[in-house]
């Protein structure tokens, strides 16, 4: 596997579901040969316990991962259903600005 552009980071999305964690482990194993820092984006978790369980499962297999987290939010479903970006959805109405504020803040941090 050879990258076309120099990579500073690879972002790997993952949910706490069992099959997602297995695929994430396989993906990480394949990408480690690139010698690029890996960041796992754990998303769609419902509780801190679910977040911690996903992180600890991955950490038990790898020691050099970085993590970022997006808790479950309807904005992801709404984005796919309506074909709008997160930013477009959050700017639709004053209520959507308030409702999606936490998610948008975390998204911008990423």
PDB file of N, CA and C in Angstrom:
ATOM      1  N   UNK A   1       0.846  -1.166   0.000  1.00  0.00           N
ATOM      2  CA  UNK A   1       0.000   0.000   0.000  1.00  0.00           C
ATOM      3  C   UNK A   1       0.899   1.239   0.000  1.00  0.00           C
ATOM      4  N   UNK A   2       0.690   2.118  -0.980  1.00  0.00           N
ATOM      5  CA  UNK A   2       1.519   3.312  -1.073  1.00  0.00           C
ATOM      6  C   UNK A   2       0.624   4.543  -1.146  1.00  0.00           C
ATOM      7  N   UNK A   3       0.928   5.550  -0.332  1.00  0.00           N
ATOM      8  CA  UNK A   3       0.134   6.771  -0.306  1.00  0.00           C
ATOM      9  C   UNK A   3       0.577   7.702  -1.427  1.00  0.00           C
ATOM     10  N   UNK A   4      -0.377   8.382  -2.043  1.00  0.00           N
ATOM     11  CA  UNK A   4      -0.088   9.336  -3.107  1.00  0.00           C
ATOM     12  C   UNK A   4       0.417  10.635  -2.509  1.00  0.00           C
ATOM     13  N   UNK A   5      -0.160  11.050  -1.399  1.00  0.00           N
ATOM     14  CA  UNK A   5       0.226  12.277  -0.722  1.00  0.00           C
ATOM     15  C   UNK A   5       0.876  11.930   0.610  1.00  0.00           C
ATOM     16  N   UNK A   6       1.791  12.766   1.076  1.00  0.00           N
ATOM     17  CA  UNK A   6       2.344  12.493   2.411  1.00  0.00           C
ATOM     18  C   UNK A   6       1.233  12.608   3.463  1.00  0.00           C
ATOM     19  N   UNK A   7       1.112  11.624   4.307  1.00  0.00           N
ATOM     20  CA  UNK A   7       0.054  11.601   5.313  1.00  0.00           C
ATOM     21  C   UNK A   7       0.605  12.000   6.668  1.00  0.00           C
ATOM     22  N   UNK A   8      -0.147  12.840   7.372  1.00  0.00           N
ATOM     23  CA  UNK A   8       0.253  13.185   8.728  1.00  0.00           C
ATOM     24  C   UNK A   8      -0.592  12.433   9.752  1.00  0.00           C
ATOM     25  N   UNK A   9      -1.743  11.901   9.307  1.00  0.00           N
ATOM     26  CA  UNK A   9      -2.660  11.211  10.207  1.00  0.00           C
ATOM     27  C   UNK A   9      -3.678  10.443   9.375  1.00  0.00           C
ATOM     28  N   UNK A  10      -4.048   9.272   9.851  1.00  0.00           N
ATOM     29  CA  UNK A  10      -5.133   8.516   9.222  1.00  0.00           C
ATOM     30  C   UNK A  10      -6.259   8.409  10.237  1.00  0.00           C
ATOM     31  N   UNK A  11      -7.459   8.799   9.823  1.00  0.00           N
ATOM     32  CA  UNK A  11      -8.650   8.769  10.670  1.00  0.00           C
ATOM     33  C   UNK A  11      -9.454   7.515  10.335  1.00  0.00           C
ATOM     34  N   UNK A  12      -9.716   6.702  11.347  1.00  0.00           N
ATOM     35  CA  UNK A  12     -10.436   5.439  11.163  1.00  0.00           C
ATOM     36  C   UNK A  12     -11.741   5.502  11.956  1.00  0.00           C
ATOM     37  N   UNK A  13     -12.888   5.552  11.278  1.00  0.00           N
ATOM     38  CA  UNK A  13     -14.162   5.575  11.998  1.00  0.00           C
ATOM     39  C   UNK A  13     -14.513   4.201  12.554  1.00  0.00           C
ATOM     40  N   UNK A  14     -15.190   4.198  13.692  1.00  0.00           N
ATOM     41  CA  UNK A  14     -15.559   2.950  14.360  1.00  0.00           C
ATOM     42  C   UNK A  14     -16.770   3.203  15.251  1.00  0.00           C
ATOM     43  N   UNK A  15     -17.644   2.219  15.329  1.00  0.00           N
ATOM     44  CA  UNK A  15     -18.734   2.273  16.306  1.00  0.00           C
ATOM     45  C   UNK A  15     -18.466   1.206  17.362  1.00  0.00           C
ATOM     46  N   UNK A  16     -19.177   1.240  18.480  1.00  0.00           N
ATOM     47  CA  UNK A  16     -18.954   0.241  19.532  1.00  0.00           C
ATOM     48  C   UNK A  16     -19.499  -1.150  19.206  1.00  0.00           C
ATOM     49  N   UNK A  17     -20.122  -1.324  18.052  1.00  0.00           N
ATOM     50  CA  UNK A  17     -20.663  -2.627  17.696  1.00  0.00           C
ATOM     51  C   UNK A  17     -19.534  -3.638  17.484  1.00  0.00           C
ATOM     52  N   UNK A  18     -19.787  -4.871  17.846  1.00  0.00           N
ATOM     53  CA  UNK A  18     -18.785  -5.927  17.798  1.00  0.00           C
ATOM     54  C   UNK A  18     -18.136  -6.045  16.419  1.00  0.00           C
ATOM     55  N   UNK A  19     -18.948  -6.124  15.369  1.00  0.00           N
ATOM     56  CA  UNK A  19     -18.399  -6.271  14.012  1.00  0.00           C
ATOM     57  C   UNK A  19     -17.582  -5.056  13.595  1.00  0.00           C
ATOM     58  N   UNK A  20     -17.983  -3.887  14.021  1.00  0.00           N
ATOM     59  CA  UNK A  20     -17.236  -2.672  13.708  1.00  0.00           C
ATOM     60  C   UNK A  20     -15.865  -2.710  14.382  1.00  0.00           C
ATOM     61  N   UNK A  21     -15.825  -3.138  15.622  1.00  0.00           N
ATOM     62  CA  UNK A  21     -14.548  -3.240  16.331  1.00  0.00           C
ATOM     63  C   UNK A  21     -13.620  -4.259  15.657  1.00  0.00           C
ATOM     64  N   UNK A  22     -14.175  -5.387  15.220  1.00  0.00           N
ATOM     65  CA  UNK A  22     -13.359  -6.390  14.527  1.00  0.00           C
ATOM     66  C   UNK A  22     -12.787  -5.822  13.221  1.00  0.00           C
ATOM     67  N   UNK A  23     -13.626  -5.137  12.439  1.00  0.00           N
ATOM     68  CA  UNK A  23     -13.157  -4.545  11.183  1.00  0.00           C
ATOM     69  C   UNK A  23     -12.134  -3.446  11.447  1.00  0.00           C
ATOM     70  N   UNK A  24     -12.319  -2.700  12.522  1.00  0.00           N
ATOM     71  CA  UNK A  24     -11.368  -1.647  12.867  1.00  0.00           C
ATOM     72  C   UNK A  24     -10.011  -2.262  13.206  1.00  0.00           C
ATOM     73  N   UNK A  25     -10.013  -3.350  13.952  1.00  0.00           N
ATOM     74  CA  UNK A  25      -8.755  -4.039  14.289  1.00  0.00           C
ATOM     75  C   UNK A  25      -8.056  -4.514  13.019  1.00  0.00           C
ATOM     76  N   UNK A  26      -8.815  -5.098  12.094  1.00  0.00           N
ATOM     77  CA  UNK A  26      -8.231  -5.540  10.819  1.00  0.00           C
ATOM     78  C   UNK A  26      -7.659  -4.353  10.039  1.00  0.00           C
ATOM     79  N   UNK A  27      -8.401  -3.263   9.998  1.00  0.00           N
ATOM     80  CA  UNK A  27      -7.962  -2.074   9.269  1.00  0.00           C
ATOM     81  C   UNK A  27      -6.682  -1.512   9.864  1.00  0.00           C
ATOM     82  N   UNK A  28      -6.631  -1.425  11.177  1.00  0.00           N
ATOM     83  CA  UNK A  28      -5.426  -0.911  11.846  1.00  0.00           C
ATOM     84  C   UNK A  28      -4.223  -1.787  11.533  1.00  0.00           C
ATOM     85  N   UNK A  29      -4.418  -3.098  11.564  1.00  0.00           N
ATOM     86  CA  UNK A  29      -3.317  -4.009  11.256  1.00  0.00           C
ATOM     87  C   UNK A  29      -2.775  -3.762   9.842  1.00  0.00           C
ATOM     88  N   UNK A  30      -3.663  -3.506   8.897  1.00  0.00           N
ATOM     89  CA  UNK A  30      -3.241  -3.240   7.522  1.00  0.00           C
ATOM     90  C   UNK A  30      -2.531  -1.887   7.395  1.00  0.00           C
ATOM     91  N   UNK A  31      -3.005  -0.892   8.136  1.00  0.00           N
ATOM     92  CA  UNK A  31      -2.468   0.464   7.999  1.00  0.00           C
ATOM     93  C   UNK A  31      -1.175   0.696   8.775  1.00  0.00           C
ATOM     94  N   UNK A  32      -0.880  -0.132   9.752  1.00  0.00           N
ATOM     95  CA  UNK A  32       0.327   0.071  10.555  1.00  0.00           C
ATOM     96  C   UNK A  32       1.603   0.067   9.720  1.00  0.00           C
ATOM     97  N   UNK A  33       1.585  -0.620   8.590  1.00  0.00           N
ATOM     98  CA  UNK A  33       2.772  -0.676   7.736  1.00  0.00           C
ATOM     99  C   UNK A  33       3.120   0.696   7.156  1.00  0.00           C
ATOM    100  N   UNK A  34       2.158   1.610   7.120  1.00  0.00           N
ATOM    101  CA  UNK A  34       2.409   2.943   6.569  1.00  0.00           C
ATOM    102  C   UNK A  34       3.228   3.825   7.505  1.00  0.00           C
ATOM    103  N   UNK A  35       3.334   3.431   8.761  1.00  0.00           N
ATOM    104  CA  UNK A  35       4.106   4.202   9.751  1.00  0.00           C
ATOM    105  C   UNK A  35       3.595   5.638   9.866  1.00  0.00           C
ATOM    106  N   UNK A  36       2.282   5.789   9.883  1.00  0.00           N
ATOM    107  CA  UNK A  36       1.620   7.085  10.028  1.00  0.00           C
ATOM    108  C   UNK A  36       0.760   7.009  11.296  1.00  0.00           C
ATOM    109  N   UNK A  37       0.708   8.081  12.088  1.00  0.00           N
ATOM    110  CA  UNK A  37      -0.160   8.053  13.273  1.00  0.00           C
ATOM    111  C   UNK A  37      -1.613   7.742  12.900  1.00  0.00           C
ATOM    112  N   UNK A  38      -2.243   6.923  13.705  1.00  0.00           N
ATOM    113  CA  UNK A  38      -3.634   6.534  13.478  1.00  0.00           C
ATOM    114  C   UNK A  38      -4.517   7.131  14.563  1.00  0.00           C
ATOM    115  N   UNK A  39      -5.649   7.683  14.143  1.00  0.00           N
ATOM    116  CA  UNK A  39      -6.633   8.181  15.098  1.00  0.00           C
ATOM    117  C   UNK A  39      -7.944   7.443  14.840  1.00  0.00           C
ATOM    118  N   UNK A  40      -8.487   6.842  15.879  1.00  0.00           N
ATOM    119  CA  UNK A  40      -9.753   6.137  15.785  1.00  0.00           C
ATOM    120  C   UNK A  40     -10.858   7.089  16.246  1.00  0.00           C
ATOM    121  N   UNK A  41     -11.838   7.271  15.381  1.00  0.00           N
ATOM    122  CA  UNK A  41     -13.004   8.089  15.703  1.00  0.00           C
ATOM    123  C   UNK A  41     -14.112   7.145  16.147  1.00  0.00           C
ATOM    124  N   UNK A  42     -14.300   7.054  17.454  1.00  0.00           N
ATOM    125  CA  UNK A  42     -15.369   6.205  17.993  1.00  0.00           C
ATOM    126  C   UNK A  42     -16.630   7.063  18.034  1.00  0.00           C
ATOM    127  N   UNK A  43     -17.629   6.600  17.301  1.00  0.00           N
ATOM    128  CA  UNK A  43     -18.842   7.385  17.150  1.00  0.00           C
ATOM    129  C   UNK A  43     -20.081   6.538  17.417  1.00  0.00           C
ATOM    130  N   UNK A  44     -21.163   7.211  17.618  1.00  0.00           N
ATOM    131  CA  UNK A  44     -22.479   6.584  17.789  1.00  0.00           C
ATOM    132  C   UNK A  44     -22.596   5.752  19.063  1.00  0.00           C
ATOM    133  N   UNK A  45     -21.798   6.083  20.079  1.00  0.00           N
ATOM    134  CA  UNK A  45     -21.940   5.379  21.352  1.00  0.00           C
ATOM    135  C   UNK A  45     -23.030   6.072  22.175  1.00  0.00           C
ATOM    136  N   UNK A  46     -23.694   5.297  23.020  1.00  0.00           N
ATOM    137  CA  UNK A  46     -24.823   5.808  23.797  1.00  0.00           C
ATOM    138  C   UNK A  46     -24.433   6.233  25.212  1.00  0.00           C
ATOM    139  N   UNK A  47     -23.382   5.615  25.753  1.00  0.00           N
ATOM    140  CA  UNK A  47     -23.011   5.897  27.144  1.00  0.00           C
ATOM    141  C   UNK A  47     -21.491   5.920  27.275  1.00  0.00           C
ATOM    142  N   UNK A  48     -21.009   6.463  28.386  1.00  0.00           N
ATOM    143  CA  UNK A  48     -19.571   6.465  28.637  1.00  0.00           C
ATOM    144  C   UNK A  48     -19.036   5.050  28.784  1.00  0.00           C
ATOM    145  N   UNK A  49     -19.857   4.157  29.327  1.00  0.00           N
ATOM    146  CA  UNK A  49     -19.451   2.756  29.455  1.00  0.00           C
ATOM    147  C   UNK A  49     -19.201   2.146  28.075  1.00  0.00           C
ATOM    148  N   UNK A  50     -20.076   2.433  27.134  1.00  0.00           N
ATOM    149  CA  UNK A  50     -19.916   1.930  25.767  1.00  0.00           C
ATOM    150  C   UNK A  50     -18.668   2.529  25.107  1.00  0.00           C
ATOM    151  N   UNK A  51     -18.432   3.809  25.352  1.00  0.00           N
ATOM    152  CA  UNK A  51     -17.239   4.485  24.835  1.00  0.00           C
ATOM    153  C   UNK A  51     -15.978   3.826  25.400  1.00  0.00           C
ATOM    154  N   UNK A  52     -15.941   3.652  26.719  1.00  0.00           N
ATOM    155  CA  UNK A  52     -14.775   3.050  27.378  1.00  0.00           C
ATOM    156  C   UNK A  52     -14.532   1.618  26.926  1.00  0.00           C
ATOM    157  N   UNK A  53     -15.602   0.867  26.730  1.00  0.00           N
ATOM    158  CA  UNK A  53     -15.460  -0.521  26.302  1.00  0.00           C
ATOM    159  C   UNK A  53     -14.851  -0.586  24.900  1.00  0.00           C
ATOM    160  N   UNK A  54     -15.295   0.268  23.992  1.00  0.00           N
ATOM    161  CA  UNK A  54     -14.735   0.292  22.634  1.00  0.00           C
ATOM    162  C   UNK A  54     -13.259   0.685  22.676  1.00  0.00           C
ATOM    163  N   UNK A  55     -12.947   1.730  23.439  1.00  0.00           N
ATOM    164  CA  UNK A  55     -11.560   2.177  23.535  1.00  0.00           C
ATOM    165  C   UNK A  55     -10.672   1.094  24.148  1.00  0.00           C
ATOM    166  N   UNK A  56     -11.116   0.480  25.236  1.00  0.00           N
ATOM    167  CA  UNK A  56     -10.274  -0.527  25.896  1.00  0.00           C
ATOM    168  C   UNK A  56     -10.099  -1.769  25.023  1.00  0.00           C
ATOM    169  N   UNK A  57     -11.109  -2.131  24.231  1.00  0.00           N
ATOM    170  CA  UNK A  57     -10.973  -3.257  23.304  1.00  0.00           C
ATOM    171  C   UNK A  57      -9.860  -2.980  22.301  1.00  0.00           C
ATOM    172  N   UNK A  58      -9.849  -1.771  21.754  1.00  0.00           N
ATOM    173  CA  UNK A  58      -8.812  -1.422  20.778  1.00  0.00           C
ATOM    174  C   UNK A  58      -7.450  -1.271  21.450  1.00  0.00           C
ATOM    175  N   UNK A  59      -7.427  -0.687  22.643  1.00  0.00           N
ATOM    176  CA  UNK A  59      -6.152  -0.521  23.354  1.00  0.00           C
ATOM    177  C   UNK A  59      -5.558  -1.851  23.798  1.00  0.00           C
ATOM    178  N   UNK A  60      -6.378  -2.860  23.981  1.00  0.00           N
ATOM    179  CA  UNK A  60      -5.847  -4.168  24.366  1.00  0.00           C
ATOM    180  C   UNK A  60      -5.135  -4.841  23.191  1.00  0.00           C
ATOM    181  N   UNK A  61      -5.388  -4.353  21.980  1.00  0.00           N
ATOM    182  CA  UNK A  61      -4.735  -4.895  20.789  1.00  0.00           C
ATOM    183  C   UNK A  61      -3.612  -4.014  20.258  1.00  0.00           C
ATOM    184  N   UNK A  62      -3.669  -2.716  20.566  1.00  0.00           N
ATOM    185  CA  UNK A  62      -2.690  -1.756  20.045  1.00  0.00           C
ATOM    186  C   UNK A  62      -2.340  -0.750  21.140  1.00  0.00           C
ATOM    187  N   UNK A  63      -1.094  -0.301  21.139  1.00  0.00           N
ATOM    188  CA  UNK A  63      -0.664   0.625  22.193  1.00  0.00           C
ATOM    189  C   UNK A  63      -0.457   2.050  21.701  1.00  0.00           C
ATOM    190  N   UNK A  64      -0.475   2.264  20.397  1.00  0.00           N
ATOM    191  CA  UNK A  64      -0.094   3.577  19.869  1.00  0.00           C
ATOM    192  C   UNK A  64      -1.228   4.300  19.139  1.00  0.00           C
ATOM    193  N   UNK A  65      -2.448   4.111  19.587  1.00  0.00           N
ATOM    194  CA  UNK A  65      -3.588   4.748  18.931  1.00  0.00           C
ATOM    195  C   UNK A  65      -3.966   6.054  19.617  1.00  0.00           C
ATOM    196  N   UNK A  66      -4.487   6.974  18.830  1.00  0.00           N
ATOM    197  CA  UNK A  66      -5.111   8.183  19.341  1.00  0.00           C
ATOM    198  C   UNK A  66      -6.615   8.013  19.165  1.00  0.00           C
ATOM    199  N   UNK A  67      -7.396   8.677  20.019  1.00  0.00           N
ATOM    200  CA  UNK A  67      -8.847   8.529  19.948  1.00  0.00           C
ATOM    201  C   UNK A  67      -9.530   9.888  19.920  1.00  0.00           C
ATOM    202  N   UNK A  68     -10.665   9.918  19.223  1.00  0.00           N
ATOM    203  CA  UNK A  68     -11.563  11.062  19.242  1.00  0.00           C
ATOM    204  C   UNK A  68     -12.962  10.467  19.302  1.00  0.00           C
ATOM    205  N   UNK A  69     -13.901  11.190  19.905  1.00  0.00           N
ATOM    206  CA  UNK A  69     -15.218  10.608  20.175  1.00  0.00           C
ATOM    207  C   UNK A  69     -16.348  11.524  19.714  1.00  0.00           C
ATOM    208  N   UNK A  70     -17.337  10.921  19.059  1.00  0.00           N
ATOM    209  CA  UNK A  70     -18.610  11.580  18.750  1.00  0.00           C
ATOM    210  C   UNK A  70     -19.711  10.720  19.352  1.00  0.00           C
ATOM    211  N   UNK A  71     -20.372  11.242  20.376  1.00  0.00           N
ATOM    212  CA  UNK A  71     -21.492  10.526  20.973  1.00  0.00           C
ATOM    213  C   UNK A  71     -22.627  10.432  19.956  1.00  0.00           C
ATOM    214  N   UNK A  72     -23.538   9.497  20.149  1.00  0.00           N
ATOM    215  CA  UNK A  72     -24.675   9.342  19.244  1.00  0.00           C
ATOM    216  C   UNK A  72     -25.400  10.677  19.093  1.00  0.00           C
ATOM    217  N   UNK A  73     -25.678  11.024  17.860  1.00  0.00           N
ATOM    218  CA  UNK A  73     -26.410  12.259  17.578  1.00  0.00           C
ATOM    219  C   UNK A  73     -27.278  12.038  16.350  1.00  0.00           C
ATOM    220  N   UNK A  74     -28.458  12.594  16.380  1.00  0.00           N
ATOM    221  CA  UNK A  74     -29.372  12.488  15.230  1.00  0.00           C
ATOM    222  C   UNK A  74     -28.831  13.227  14.019  1.00  0.00           C
ATOM    223  N   UNK A  75     -27.866  14.113  14.224  1.00  0.00           N
ATOM    224  CA  UNK A  75     -27.336  14.879  13.101  1.00  0.00           C
ATOM    225  C   UNK A  75     -26.712  13.952  12.053  1.00  0.00           C
ATOM    226  N   UNK A  76     -26.138  12.842  12.468  1.00  0.00           N
ATOM    227  CA  UNK A  76     -25.520  11.915  11.514  1.00  0.00           C
ATOM    228  C   UNK A  76     -26.597  11.277  10.638  1.00  0.00           C
ATOM    229  N   UNK A  77     -27.657  10.778  11.269  1.00  0.00           N
ATOM    230  CA  UNK A  77     -28.769  10.194  10.515  1.00  0.00           C
ATOM    231  C   UNK A  77     -29.412  11.232   9.608  1.00  0.00           C
ATOM    232  N   UNK A  78     -29.634  12.432  10.133  1.00  0.00           N
ATOM    233  CA  UNK A  78     -30.286  13.487   9.355  1.00  0.00           C
ATOM    234  C   UNK A  78     -29.419  13.922   8.178  1.00  0.00           C
ATOM    235  N   UNK A  79     -28.118  13.927   8.359  1.00  0.00           N
ATOM    236  CA  UNK A  79     -27.209  14.296   7.286  1.00  0.00           C
ATOM    237  C   UNK A  79     -27.297  13.292   6.133  1.00  0.00           C
ATOM    238  N   UNK A  80     -27.304  12.015   6.475  1.00  0.00           N
ATOM    239  CA  UNK A  80     -27.398  10.985   5.439  1.00  0.00           C
ATOM    240  C   UNK A  80     -28.762  11.015   4.751  1.00  0.00           C
ATOM    241  N   UNK A  81     -29.819  11.199   5.521  1.00  0.00           N
ATOM    242  CA  UNK A  81     -31.173  11.178   4.976  1.00  0.00           C
ATOM    243  C   UNK A  81     -31.455  12.394   4.091  1.00  0.00           C
ATOM    244  N   UNK A  82     -31.001  13.570   4.519  1.00  0.00           N
ATOM    245  CA  UNK A  82     -31.309  14.801   3.789  1.00  0.00           C
ATOM    246  C   UNK A  82     -30.230  15.200   2.782  1.00  0.00           C
ATOM    247  N   UNK A  83     -29.073  14.562   2.856  1.00  0.00           N
ATOM    248  CA  UNK A  83     -28.002  14.896   1.931  1.00  0.00           C
ATOM    249  C   UNK A  83     -27.370  16.252   2.213  1.00  0.00           C
ATOM    250  N   UNK A  84     -27.406  16.677   3.468  1.00  0.00           N
ATOM    251  CA  UNK A  84     -26.827  17.961   3.867  1.00  0.00           C
ATOM    252  C   UNK A  84     -25.624  17.731   4.773  1.00  0.00           C
ATOM    253  N   UNK A  85     -24.714  18.679   4.768  1.00  0.00           N
ATOM    254  CA  UNK A  85     -23.563  18.593   5.662  1.00  0.00           C
ATOM    255  C   UNK A  85     -24.006  18.879   7.096  1.00  0.00           C
ATOM    256  N   UNK A  86     -23.143  18.556   8.054  1.00  0.00           N
ATOM    257  CA  UNK A  86     -23.444  18.851   9.454  1.00  0.00           C
ATOM    258  C   UNK A  86     -23.665  20.339   9.639  1.00  0.00           C
ATOM    259  N   UNK A  87     -22.811  21.131   9.027  1.00  0.00           N
ATOM    260  CA  UNK A  87     -22.902  22.591   9.151  1.00  0.00           C
ATOM    261  C   UNK A  87     -24.223  23.100   8.567  1.00  0.00           C
ATOM    262  N   UNK A  88     -24.598  22.595   7.390  1.00  0.00           N
ATOM    263  CA  UNK A  88     -25.864  23.014   6.772  1.00  0.00           C
ATOM    264  C   UNK A  88     -27.052  22.664   7.659  1.00  0.00           C
ATOM    265  N   UNK A  89     -27.045  21.477   8.233  1.00  0.00           N
ATOM    266  CA  UNK A  89     -28.139  21.076   9.120  1.00  0.00           C
ATOM    267  C   UNK A  89     -28.217  21.967  10.356  1.00  0.00           C
ATOM    268  N   UNK A  90     -27.068  22.261  10.925  1.00  0.00           N
ATOM    269  CA  UNK A  90     -27.072  23.042  12.169  1.00  0.00           C
ATOM    270  C   UNK A  90     -27.492  24.488  11.941  1.00  0.00           C
ATOM    271  N   UNK A  91     -27.388  24.973  10.721  1.00  0.00           N
ATOM    272  CA  UNK A  91     -27.735  26.376  10.436  1.00  0.00           C
ATOM    273  C   UNK A  91     -29.156  26.548   9.912  1.00  0.00           C
ATOM    274  N   UNK A  92     -29.935  25.474   9.807  1.00  0.00           N
ATOM    275  CA  UNK A  92     -31.276  25.557   9.226  1.00  0.00           C
ATOM    276  C   UNK A  92     -32.232  26.421  10.036  1.00  0.00           C
ATOM    277  N   UNK A  93     -32.237  26.248  11.335  1.00  0.00           N
ATOM    278  CA  UNK A  93     -33.163  27.000  12.187  1.00  0.00           C
ATOM    279  C   UNK A  93     -32.457  27.341  13.501  1.00  0.00           C
ATOM    280  N   UNK A  94     -32.990  28.316  14.233  1.00  0.00           N
ATOM    281  CA  UNK A  94     -32.404  28.601  15.552  1.00  0.00           C
ATOM    282  C   UNK A  94     -32.441  27.378  16.481  1.00  0.00           C
ATOM    283  N   UNK A  95     -33.503  26.580  16.387  1.00  0.00           N
ATOM    284  CA  UNK A  95     -33.606  25.384  17.228  1.00  0.00           C
ATOM    285  C   UNK A  95     -32.525  24.365  16.859  1.00  0.00           C
ATOM    286  N   UNK A  96     -32.262  24.184  15.558  1.00  0.00           N
ATOM    287  CA  UNK A  96     -31.225  23.229  15.158  1.00  0.00           C
ATOM    288  C   UNK A  96     -29.842  23.705  15.596  1.00  0.00           C
ATOM    289  N   UNK A  97     -29.612  25.010  15.637  1.00  0.00           N
ATOM    290  CA  UNK A  97     -28.332  25.536  16.133  1.00  0.00           C
ATOM    291  C   UNK A  97     -28.112  25.122  17.581  1.00  0.00           C
ATOM    292  N   UNK A  98     -29.174  25.231  18.372  1.00  0.00           N
ATOM    293  CA  UNK A  98     -29.088  24.868  19.794  1.00  0.00           C
ATOM    294  C   UNK A  98     -28.957  23.348  19.943  1.00  0.00           C
ATOM    295  N   UNK A  99     -29.789  22.617  19.201  1.00  0.00           N
ATOM    296  CA  UNK A  99     -29.847  21.161  19.324  1.00  0.00           C
ATOM    297  C   UNK A  99     -28.522  20.498  18.940  1.00  0.00           C
ATOM    298  N   UNK A 100     -27.851  20.992  17.905  1.00  0.00           N
ATOM    299  CA  UNK A 100     -26.621  20.382  17.404  1.00  0.00           C
ATOM    300  C   UNK A 100     -25.352  21.073  17.891  1.00  0.00           C
ATOM    301  N   UNK A 101     -25.467  22.028  18.791  1.00  0.00           N
ATOM    302  CA  UNK A 101     -24.320  22.837  19.217  1.00  0.00           C
ATOM    303  C   UNK A 101     -23.155  21.995  19.744  1.00  0.00           C
ATOM    304  N   UNK A 102     -23.417  21.053  20.626  1.00  0.00           N
ATOM    305  CA  UNK A 102     -22.353  20.235  21.202  1.00  0.00           C
ATOM    306  C   UNK A 102     -21.652  19.421  20.125  1.00  0.00           C
ATOM    307  N   UNK A 103     -22.438  18.804  19.249  1.00  0.00           N
ATOM    308  CA  UNK A 103     -21.847  17.992  18.187  1.00  0.00           C
ATOM    309  C   UNK A 103     -20.981  18.864  17.258  1.00  0.00           C
ATOM    310  N   UNK A 104     -21.487  20.008  16.861  1.00  0.00           N
ATOM    311  CA  UNK A 104     -20.741  20.892  15.948  1.00  0.00           C
ATOM    312  C   UNK A 104     -19.436  21.361  16.606  1.00  0.00           C
ATOM    313  N   UNK A 105     -19.478  21.650  17.888  1.00  0.00           N
ATOM    314  CA  UNK A 105     -18.266  22.052  18.605  1.00  0.00           C
ATOM    315  C   UNK A 105     -17.217  20.945  18.552  1.00  0.00           C
ATOM    316  N   UNK A 106     -17.626  19.709  18.815  1.00  0.00           N
ATOM    317  CA  UNK A 106     -16.704  18.579  18.761  1.00  0.00           C
ATOM    318  C   UNK A 106     -16.223  18.323  17.328  1.00  0.00           C
ATOM    319  N   UNK A 107     -17.105  18.463  16.378  1.00  0.00           N
ATOM    320  CA  UNK A 107     -16.758  18.270  14.965  1.00  0.00           C
ATOM    321  C   UNK A 107     -15.698  19.278  14.536  1.00  0.00           C
ATOM    322  N   UNK A 108     -15.847  20.520  14.957  1.00  0.00           N
ATOM    323  CA  UNK A 108     -14.869  21.555  14.611  1.00  0.00           C
ATOM    324  C   UNK A 108     -13.527  21.301  15.299  1.00  0.00           C
ATOM    325  N   UNK A 109     -13.548  20.753  16.504  1.00  0.00           N
ATOM    326  CA  UNK A 109     -12.300  20.391  17.183  1.00  0.00           C
ATOM    327  C   UNK A 109     -11.526  19.343  16.402  1.00  0.00           C
ATOM    328  N   UNK A 110     -12.273  18.392  15.825  1.00  0.00           N
ATOM    329  CA  UNK A 110     -11.637  17.332  15.054  1.00  0.00           C
ATOM    330  C   UNK A 110     -10.978  17.905  13.821  1.00  0.00           C
TER     331      UNK A 110
END
